[in-house]
Amino acid sequence: MPYEIIWLPEALEDVQRLRLFLEDKNPDVAARAGRVLHEGTDLLARFPECSPPMPDGTARRELFMPFGSGRYILRYILEPQTVVIIRAWHSKEKR
């Protein structure tokens, strides 16, 4: 049975920021980015342990999805039957 996906408000704000950045430059690329993020979310719902825990002892995990010359990253934690997406960003961003 697939895991439930929950997006924290900060992660939803991240996705909105990413979408607006790309839409201003190229709406087709923004749509493709949305598909990549959606596919990543689907993957996490089916295979939530596909990424190992981060080595910082927090049990957070990161899913890396190739996009353009970089990749999108979804940081998440696992709860019973739930994936909680904490943040989302592109690897080329200055964070």
N, C-alpha and C. Protein backbone atom coordinates (compact mmCIF):
# COMPACT_ATOMS: atom_id res chain seq x y z
N MET A 1 0.84 -1.17 0.00
CA MET A 1 0.00 0.00 0.00
C MET A 1 0.89 1.25 0.00
N PRO A 2 0.62 2.22 -0.87
CA PRO A 2 1.46 3.42 -0.93
C PRO A 2 1.40 4.23 0.36
N TYR A 3 2.51 4.87 0.65
CA TYR A 3 2.57 5.77 1.79
C TYR A 3 1.80 7.06 1.45
N GLU A 4 1.25 7.68 2.48
CA GLU A 4 0.63 8.99 2.32
C GLU A 4 1.76 10.03 2.22
N ILE A 5 1.57 11.02 1.38
CA ILE A 5 2.53 12.11 1.24
C ILE A 5 1.95 13.35 1.91
N ILE A 6 2.72 13.94 2.80
CA ILE A 6 2.34 15.20 3.45
C ILE A 6 3.44 16.21 3.14
N TRP A 7 3.04 17.36 2.65
CA TRP A 7 3.97 18.46 2.38
C TRP A 7 3.86 19.48 3.50
N LEU A 8 4.97 19.79 4.15
CA LEU A 8 4.97 20.87 5.12
C LEU A 8 4.79 22.20 4.38
N PRO A 9 4.23 23.20 5.04
CA PRO A 9 4.01 24.49 4.37
C PRO A 9 5.29 25.07 3.74
N GLU A 10 6.42 24.90 4.42
CA GLU A 10 7.69 25.41 3.87
C GLU A 10 8.04 24.72 2.55
N ALA A 11 7.78 23.44 2.45
CA ALA A 11 8.06 22.70 1.22
C ALA A 11 7.14 23.15 0.10
N LEU A 12 5.88 23.40 0.41
CA LEU A 12 4.95 23.91 -0.60
C LEU A 12 5.38 25.30 -1.08
N GLU A 13 5.86 26.13 -0.16
CA GLU A 13 6.39 27.44 -0.54
C GLU A 13 7.61 27.28 -1.44
N ASP A 14 8.46 26.29 -1.15
CA ASP A 14 9.62 26.03 -1.99
C ASP A 14 9.19 25.71 -3.42
N VAL A 15 8.21 24.82 -3.56
CA VAL A 15 7.75 24.42 -4.89
C VAL A 15 7.16 25.61 -5.63
N GLN A 16 6.41 26.43 -4.92
CA GLN A 16 5.84 27.64 -5.54
C GLN A 16 6.95 28.56 -6.02
N ARG A 17 7.97 28.75 -5.21
CA ARG A 17 9.11 29.60 -5.59
C ARG A 17 9.81 29.05 -6.82
N LEU A 18 10.05 27.75 -6.84
CA LEU A 18 10.70 27.12 -7.98
C LEU A 18 9.87 27.28 -9.25
N ARG A 19 8.57 27.08 -9.12
CA ARG A 19 7.67 27.19 -10.27
C ARG A 19 7.67 28.62 -10.82
N LEU A 20 7.54 29.60 -9.94
CA LEU A 20 7.51 30.99 -10.40
C LEU A 20 8.81 31.40 -11.07
N PHE A 21 9.92 30.93 -10.53
CA PHE A 21 11.23 31.23 -11.14
C PHE A 21 11.28 30.74 -12.58
N LEU A 22 10.84 29.51 -12.80
CA LEU A 22 10.90 28.93 -14.15
C LEU A 22 9.82 29.48 -15.07
N GLU A 23 8.64 29.73 -14.56
CA GLU A 23 7.55 30.23 -15.40
C GLU A 23 7.90 31.56 -16.04
N ASP A 24 8.62 32.39 -15.32
CA ASP A 24 9.04 33.68 -15.88
C ASP A 24 9.99 33.50 -17.06
N LYS A 25 10.76 32.44 -17.04
CA LYS A 25 11.75 32.21 -18.08
C LYS A 25 11.22 31.34 -19.22
N ASN A 26 10.49 30.25 -18.85
CA ASN A 26 10.01 29.31 -19.86
C ASN A 26 8.90 28.44 -19.27
N PRO A 27 7.65 28.70 -19.62
CA PRO A 27 6.53 27.92 -19.07
C PRO A 27 6.63 26.42 -19.36
N ASP A 28 7.18 26.04 -20.50
CA ASP A 28 7.31 24.61 -20.82
C ASP A 28 8.29 23.93 -19.86
N VAL A 29 9.37 24.61 -19.54
CA VAL A 29 10.34 24.07 -18.60
C VAL A 29 9.73 23.99 -17.20
N ALA A 30 8.93 24.99 -16.85
CA ALA A 30 8.26 24.97 -15.55
C ALA A 30 7.33 23.76 -15.45
N ALA A 31 6.62 23.45 -16.53
CA ALA A 31 5.73 22.29 -16.54
C ALA A 31 6.52 21.00 -16.42
N ARG A 32 7.66 20.94 -17.10
CA ARG A 32 8.51 19.74 -17.00
C ARG A 32 9.04 19.57 -15.58
N ALA A 33 9.43 20.66 -14.96
CA ALA A 33 9.90 20.61 -13.57
C ALA A 33 8.80 20.09 -12.65
N GLY A 34 7.58 20.55 -12.88
CA GLY A 34 6.47 20.06 -12.08
C GLY A 34 6.28 18.56 -12.22
N ARG A 35 6.44 18.05 -13.45
CA ARG A 35 6.32 16.60 -13.67
C ARG A 35 7.42 15.85 -12.94
N VAL A 36 8.63 16.38 -12.96
CA VAL A 36 9.75 15.72 -12.26
C VAL A 36 9.47 15.64 -10.76
N LEU A 37 9.01 16.74 -10.19
CA LEU A 37 8.70 16.74 -8.75
C LEU A 37 7.54 15.80 -8.44
N HIS A 38 6.55 15.76 -9.31
CA HIS A 38 5.41 14.85 -9.12
C HIS A 38 5.87 13.40 -9.19
N GLU A 39 6.73 13.08 -10.16
CA GLU A 39 7.26 11.71 -10.28
C GLU A 39 8.07 11.33 -9.04
N GLY A 40 8.84 12.28 -8.51
CA GLY A 40 9.60 12.02 -7.29
C GLY A 40 8.68 11.72 -6.12
N THR A 41 7.59 12.47 -6.03
CA THR A 41 6.62 12.24 -4.96
C THR A 41 5.98 10.86 -5.11
N ASP A 42 5.64 10.49 -6.34
CA ASP A 42 5.08 9.16 -6.58
C ASP A 42 6.07 8.07 -6.18
N LEU A 43 7.33 8.27 -6.50
CA LEU A 43 8.36 7.29 -6.13
C LEU A 43 8.42 7.14 -4.61
N LEU A 44 8.39 8.26 -3.89
CA LEU A 44 8.44 8.19 -2.43
C LEU A 44 7.22 7.50 -1.85
N ALA A 45 6.07 7.68 -2.47
CA ALA A 45 4.85 7.02 -1.98
C ALA A 45 4.97 5.50 -2.11
N ARG A 46 5.65 5.05 -3.15
CA ARG A 46 5.78 3.60 -3.37
C ARG A 46 7.02 3.01 -2.72
N PHE A 47 8.11 3.77 -2.70
CA PHE A 47 9.39 3.27 -2.18
C PHE A 47 10.01 4.32 -1.24
N PRO A 48 9.43 4.52 -0.08
CA PRO A 48 9.88 5.60 0.80
C PRO A 48 11.30 5.44 1.32
N GLU A 49 11.82 4.23 1.31
CA GLU A 49 13.18 4.01 1.80
C GLU A 49 14.20 3.96 0.67
N CYS A 50 13.84 4.54 -0.50
CA CYS A 50 14.75 4.50 -1.65
C CYS A 50 16.01 5.34 -1.43
N SER A 51 15.96 6.27 -0.51
CA SER A 51 17.13 7.08 -0.16
C SER A 51 17.55 6.75 1.27
N PRO A 52 18.84 6.63 1.51
CA PRO A 52 19.29 6.33 2.88
C PRO A 52 19.15 7.54 3.78
N PRO A 53 19.08 7.33 5.09
CA PRO A 53 19.05 8.46 6.02
C PRO A 53 20.33 9.29 5.88
N MET A 54 20.19 10.58 6.12
CA MET A 54 21.36 11.46 6.09
C MET A 54 22.28 11.08 7.25
N PRO A 55 23.58 11.29 7.10
CA PRO A 55 24.53 10.86 8.14
C PRO A 55 24.58 11.77 9.36
N ASP A 56 23.62 12.68 9.50
CA ASP A 56 23.66 13.61 10.62
C ASP A 56 22.85 13.15 11.83
N GLY A 57 22.32 11.93 11.79
CA GLY A 57 21.59 11.38 12.91
C GLY A 57 20.17 11.88 13.07
N THR A 58 19.65 12.64 12.10
CA THR A 58 18.31 13.20 12.21
C THR A 58 17.23 12.30 11.59
N ALA A 59 17.63 11.28 10.87
CA ALA A 59 16.72 10.38 10.15
C ALA A 59 16.09 11.04 8.93
N ARG A 60 16.52 12.27 8.61
CA ARG A 60 16.04 12.89 7.38
C ARG A 60 16.65 12.16 6.20
N ARG A 61 15.96 12.22 5.08
CA ARG A 61 16.43 11.61 3.84
C ARG A 61 16.31 12.64 2.72
N GLU A 62 17.04 12.41 1.62
CA GLU A 62 16.96 13.30 0.48
C GLU A 62 16.84 12.48 -0.80
N LEU A 63 15.84 12.83 -1.59
CA LEU A 63 15.66 12.22 -2.91
C LEU A 63 16.20 13.20 -3.94
N PHE A 64 17.10 12.73 -4.80
CA PHE A 64 17.71 13.54 -5.84
C PHE A 64 17.10 13.16 -7.19
N MET A 65 16.60 14.17 -7.92
CA MET A 65 15.96 13.95 -9.22
C MET A 65 16.65 14.83 -10.26
N PRO A 66 17.30 14.22 -11.26
CA PRO A 66 17.99 15.01 -12.27
C PRO A 66 17.04 15.98 -12.97
N PHE A 67 17.55 17.20 -13.17
CA PHE A 67 16.79 18.20 -13.92
C PHE A 67 17.76 19.24 -14.45
N GLY A 68 17.79 19.41 -15.75
CA GLY A 68 18.71 20.36 -16.36
C GLY A 68 20.15 20.00 -16.03
N SER A 69 20.94 21.00 -15.71
CA SER A 69 22.35 20.75 -15.39
C SER A 69 22.55 20.45 -13.91
N GLY A 70 21.46 20.26 -13.20
CA GLY A 70 21.54 19.96 -11.77
C GLY A 70 20.51 18.91 -11.40
N ARG A 71 19.90 19.12 -10.26
CA ARG A 71 18.87 18.18 -9.81
C ARG A 71 17.99 18.86 -8.77
N TYR A 72 16.77 18.36 -8.69
CA TYR A 72 15.89 18.77 -7.62
C TYR A 72 16.11 17.85 -6.43
N ILE A 73 15.93 18.40 -5.25
CA ILE A 73 16.12 17.63 -4.03
C ILE A 73 14.87 17.78 -3.18
N LEU A 74 14.33 16.64 -2.76
CA LEU A 74 13.24 16.63 -1.80
C LEU A 74 13.80 16.08 -0.50
N ARG A 75 13.77 16.88 0.55
CA ARG A 75 14.20 16.41 1.87
C ARG A 75 12.94 15.96 2.61
N TYR A 76 13.02 14.78 3.21
CA TYR A 76 11.83 14.22 3.84
C TYR A 76 12.18 13.35 5.03
N ILE A 77 11.16 13.04 5.82
CA ILE A 77 11.29 12.09 6.91
C ILE A 77 10.18 11.05 6.77
N LEU A 78 10.43 9.90 7.33
CA LEU A 78 9.44 8.83 7.31
C LEU A 78 8.75 8.75 8.66
N GLU A 79 7.45 8.62 8.59
CA GLU A 79 6.64 8.32 9.75
C GLU A 79 5.84 7.08 9.38
N PRO A 80 5.18 6.45 10.32
CA PRO A 80 4.43 5.24 9.96
C PRO A 80 3.45 5.50 8.81
N GLN A 81 3.68 4.82 7.70
CA GLN A 81 2.84 4.91 6.50
C GLN A 81 2.72 6.32 5.92
N THR A 82 3.68 7.18 6.27
CA THR A 82 3.63 8.58 5.81
C THR A 82 5.03 9.06 5.46
N VAL A 83 5.12 9.79 4.36
CA VAL A 83 6.33 10.52 3.98
C VAL A 83 6.01 12.00 4.18
N VAL A 84 6.81 12.67 5.00
CA VAL A 84 6.63 14.10 5.25
C VAL A 84 7.73 14.84 4.50
N ILE A 85 7.34 15.59 3.49
CA ILE A 85 8.32 16.36 2.72
C ILE A 85 8.55 17.68 3.44
N ILE A 86 9.81 17.88 3.82
CA ILE A 86 10.19 19.02 4.65
C ILE A 86 10.55 20.24 3.80
N ARG A 87 11.37 20.04 2.78
CA ARG A 87 11.85 21.13 1.92
C ARG A 87 12.08 20.61 0.52
N ALA A 88 12.16 21.53 -0.44
CA ALA A 88 12.45 21.20 -1.84
C ALA A 88 13.30 22.33 -2.41
N TRP A 89 14.29 21.98 -3.23
CA TRP A 89 15.12 23.00 -3.86
C TRP A 89 15.86 22.40 -5.05
N HIS A 90 16.46 23.29 -5.84
CA HIS A 90 17.30 22.88 -6.97
C HIS A 90 18.75 23.02 -6.53
N SER A 91 19.56 22.08 -6.97
CA SER A 91 20.96 22.03 -6.53
C SER A 91 21.76 23.27 -6.92
N LYS A 92 21.32 24.02 -7.90
CA LYS A 92 22.06 25.22 -8.32
C LYS A 92 21.72 26.45 -7.47
N GLU A 93 20.74 26.31 -6.60
CA GLU A 93 20.36 27.45 -5.76
C GLU A 93 21.43 27.71 -4.70
N LYS A 94 21.58 28.98 -4.36
CA LYS A 94 22.43 29.34 -3.22
C LYS A 94 21.53 29.29 -2.00
N ARG A 95 21.84 28.39 -1.08
CA ARG A 95 20.98 28.21 0.09
C ARG A 95 21.70 28.66 1.34
